[in-house]
């Protein structure tokens, strides 16, 4: 008997394979709540001309719309491949219960999707990165945060 994790990952792999065969990215993700798939998505980076349209991000966006929430409380994300650093960040902001993936980052790198350089860039000071990040210290930089904290109608993250 297959466990649900295996079945959901097999579905991810089929979606990713179908996407790759039709010219899309070779990645797919599901968001599952109470053993029910609430979102399915593939990588649409090239078809949608959007570098942030990774499968996990697309699935998170769709699931949040379905749930009418900015968080994936009591949800599990299944991915055909280990999430990249961008997706990792999105996953932590979405706060699912767990993530299961099939292929790992080494397998992705062997296929031409090597994100190890991003991890190396994160460790560097902003100005020393391949794409330099420069902090400009403005006196008003705290204003948005102050307004946020003063807004009694805000929705906390």
Protein backbone atom coordinates (compact mmCIF):
# COMPACT_ATOMS: atom_id res chain seq x y z
CA UNK A 1 0.00 0.00 0.00
CA UNK A 2 1.34 3.45 -0.96
CA UNK A 3 1.39 6.11 1.71
CA UNK A 4 -0.29 9.44 0.87
CA UNK A 5 3.09 11.21 0.71
CA UNK A 6 4.25 8.85 -2.03
CA UNK A 7 1.02 9.25 -3.98
CA UNK A 8 1.13 13.06 -3.81
CA UNK A 9 4.79 13.08 -4.84
CA UNK A 10 4.04 10.74 -7.74
CA UNK A 11 1.35 13.19 -8.86
CA UNK A 12 3.91 16.01 -8.66
CA UNK A 13 6.37 14.04 -10.75
CA UNK A 14 3.72 13.35 -13.39
CA UNK A 15 2.72 17.03 -13.54
CA UNK A 16 6.38 18.06 -13.78
CA UNK A 17 7.06 15.51 -16.51
CA UNK A 18 4.01 16.66 -18.48
CA UNK A 19 5.13 20.28 -18.12
CA UNK A 20 8.65 19.47 -19.31
CA UNK A 21 7.29 17.49 -22.28
CA UNK A 22 5.15 20.44 -23.37
CA UNK A 23 7.96 23.02 -23.13
CA UNK A 24 7.41 24.21 -19.58
CA UNK A 25 9.69 23.90 -16.59
CA UNK A 26 10.28 20.43 -15.12
CA UNK A 27 8.83 21.28 -11.73
CA UNK A 28 5.42 20.87 -10.06
CA UNK A 29 3.93 21.32 -6.61
CA UNK A 30 0.76 20.51 -4.72
CA UNK A 31 -0.75 22.02 -1.61
CA UNK A 32 -2.73 19.48 0.38
CA UNK A 33 -5.05 20.03 3.32
CA UNK A 34 -6.79 17.18 5.11
CA UNK A 35 -5.56 14.75 2.44
CA UNK A 36 -7.24 16.81 -0.30
CA UNK A 37 -5.32 18.64 -3.00
CA UNK A 38 -6.35 22.30 -2.87
CA UNK A 39 -3.79 23.57 -5.41
CA UNK A 40 -1.69 22.15 -8.23
CA UNK A 41 0.87 24.15 -10.12
CA UNK A 42 3.82 23.87 -12.45
CA UNK A 43 6.74 26.12 -13.11
CA UNK A 44 5.63 28.85 -15.54
CA UNK A 45 8.79 30.98 -15.55
CA UNK A 46 9.31 31.00 -19.31
CA UNK A 47 5.69 30.73 -20.45
CA UNK A 48 4.58 33.50 -18.09
CA UNK A 49 7.74 35.59 -18.43
CA UNK A 50 7.95 35.69 -14.63
CA UNK A 51 11.15 34.59 -12.85
CA UNK A 52 9.19 34.15 -9.60
CA UNK A 53 6.66 31.73 -11.13
CA UNK A 54 8.20 28.59 -9.68
CA UNK A 55 5.88 25.67 -9.04
CA UNK A 56 5.90 26.10 -5.26
CA UNK A 57 5.18 29.84 -5.46
CA UNK A 58 2.39 29.27 -8.00
CA UNK A 59 0.88 26.54 -5.80
CA UNK A 60 1.11 28.72 -2.69
CA UNK A 61 -0.63 31.60 -4.50
CA UNK A 62 -3.41 29.34 -5.75
CA UNK A 63 -3.89 27.65 -2.37
CA UNK A 64 -4.05 30.96 -0.53
CA UNK A 65 -6.74 32.15 -2.92
CA UNK A 66 -8.70 28.94 -2.38
CA UNK A 67 -8.37 29.21 1.40
CA UNK A 68 -8.86 32.99 1.39
CA UNK A 69 -5.86 33.26 3.70
CA UNK A 70 -2.28 34.45 3.44
CA UNK A 71 -1.11 31.40 5.36
CA UNK A 72 -1.30 27.68 4.69
CA UNK A 73 -2.32 26.60 8.16
CA UNK A 74 -2.60 22.79 8.45
CA UNK A 75 -1.40 22.33 4.87
CA UNK A 76 1.40 20.24 3.41
CA UNK A 77 3.38 21.21 0.33
CA UNK A 78 4.54 18.47 -2.01
CA UNK A 79 7.13 19.31 -4.63
CA UNK A 80 8.69 17.37 -7.46
CA UNK A 81 12.04 18.83 -6.41
CA UNK A 82 13.71 20.31 -3.35
CA UNK A 83 12.65 23.97 -3.20
CA UNK A 84 15.12 26.66 -4.25
CA UNK A 85 16.07 29.54 -1.91
CA UNK A 86 13.28 31.80 -3.23
CA UNK A 87 10.67 29.09 -2.74
CA UNK A 88 12.12 28.26 0.65
CA UNK A 89 11.47 31.86 1.70
CA UNK A 90 7.92 31.78 0.31
CA UNK A 91 7.26 28.50 2.10
CA UNK A 92 8.38 29.89 5.45
CA UNK A 93 6.17 32.98 4.98
CA UNK A 94 3.20 30.73 4.08
CA UNK A 95 3.75 28.57 7.19
CA UNK A 96 2.64 25.11 6.05
CA UNK A 97 2.95 22.17 8.43
CA UNK A 98 5.53 20.31 6.33
CA UNK A 99 7.17 20.00 2.91
CA UNK A 100 7.89 16.75 1.07
CA UNK A 101 9.95 16.63 -2.12
CA UNK A 102 11.12 13.98 -4.58
CA UNK A 103 14.31 15.06 -6.42
CA UNK A 104 16.99 16.85 -4.42
CA UNK A 105 19.00 19.98 -5.29
CA UNK A 106 21.92 17.90 -6.61
CA UNK A 107 19.65 16.23 -9.15
CA UNK A 108 18.30 19.63 -10.18
CA UNK A 109 21.84 21.00 -10.54
CA UNK A 110 22.81 18.06 -12.77
CA UNK A 111 19.88 18.98 -15.04
CA UNK A 112 21.01 22.62 -15.26
CA UNK A 113 19.10 24.11 -12.34
CA UNK A 114 21.95 24.86 -9.94
CA UNK A 115 20.94 27.23 -7.14
CA UNK A 116 24.07 26.74 -5.02
CA UNK A 117 25.40 30.13 -6.17
CA UNK A 118 22.39 31.80 -4.52
CA UNK A 119 23.20 30.20 -1.18
CA UNK A 120 26.78 31.48 -1.55
CA UNK A 121 25.49 34.96 -2.39
CA UNK A 122 23.26 35.10 0.70
CA UNK A 123 26.32 34.66 2.94
CA UNK A 124 28.13 37.64 1.43
CA UNK A 125 27.81 41.26 2.49
CA UNK A 126 25.37 43.04 0.18
CA UNK A 127 27.97 45.16 -1.60
CA UNK A 128 30.12 42.07 -2.30
CA UNK A 129 27.41 40.10 -4.09
CA UNK A 130 27.44 39.49 -7.84
CA UNK A 131 24.46 41.84 -8.00
CA UNK A 132 25.44 44.45 -5.38
CA UNK A 133 22.92 45.38 -2.70
CA UNK A 134 23.37 48.88 -1.30
CA UNK A 135 21.73 50.11 1.90
CA UNK A 136 20.74 53.78 1.82
CA UNK A 137 20.04 55.05 5.32
CA UNK A 138 17.06 57.44 5.11
CA UNK A 139 15.51 59.15 8.11
CA UNK A 140 12.01 58.13 6.90
CA UNK A 141 12.83 54.43 6.54
CA UNK A 142 11.04 53.54 9.80
CA UNK A 143 7.81 55.36 8.86
CA UNK A 144 6.08 52.41 7.12
CA UNK A 145 6.83 50.16 10.10
CA UNK A 146 5.54 52.74 12.59
CA UNK A 147 2.34 53.14 10.63
CA UNK A 148 1.98 49.38 10.45
CA UNK A 149 2.38 49.01 14.21
CA UNK A 150 -0.11 51.82 14.86
CA UNK A 151 -2.77 50.34 12.57
CA UNK A 152 -5.19 48.46 14.82
CA UNK A 153 -6.92 47.00 11.73
CA UNK A 154 -3.79 45.27 10.40
CA UNK A 155 -3.60 41.57 9.69
CA UNK A 156 -0.47 40.20 11.32
CA UNK A 157 1.80 37.88 9.37
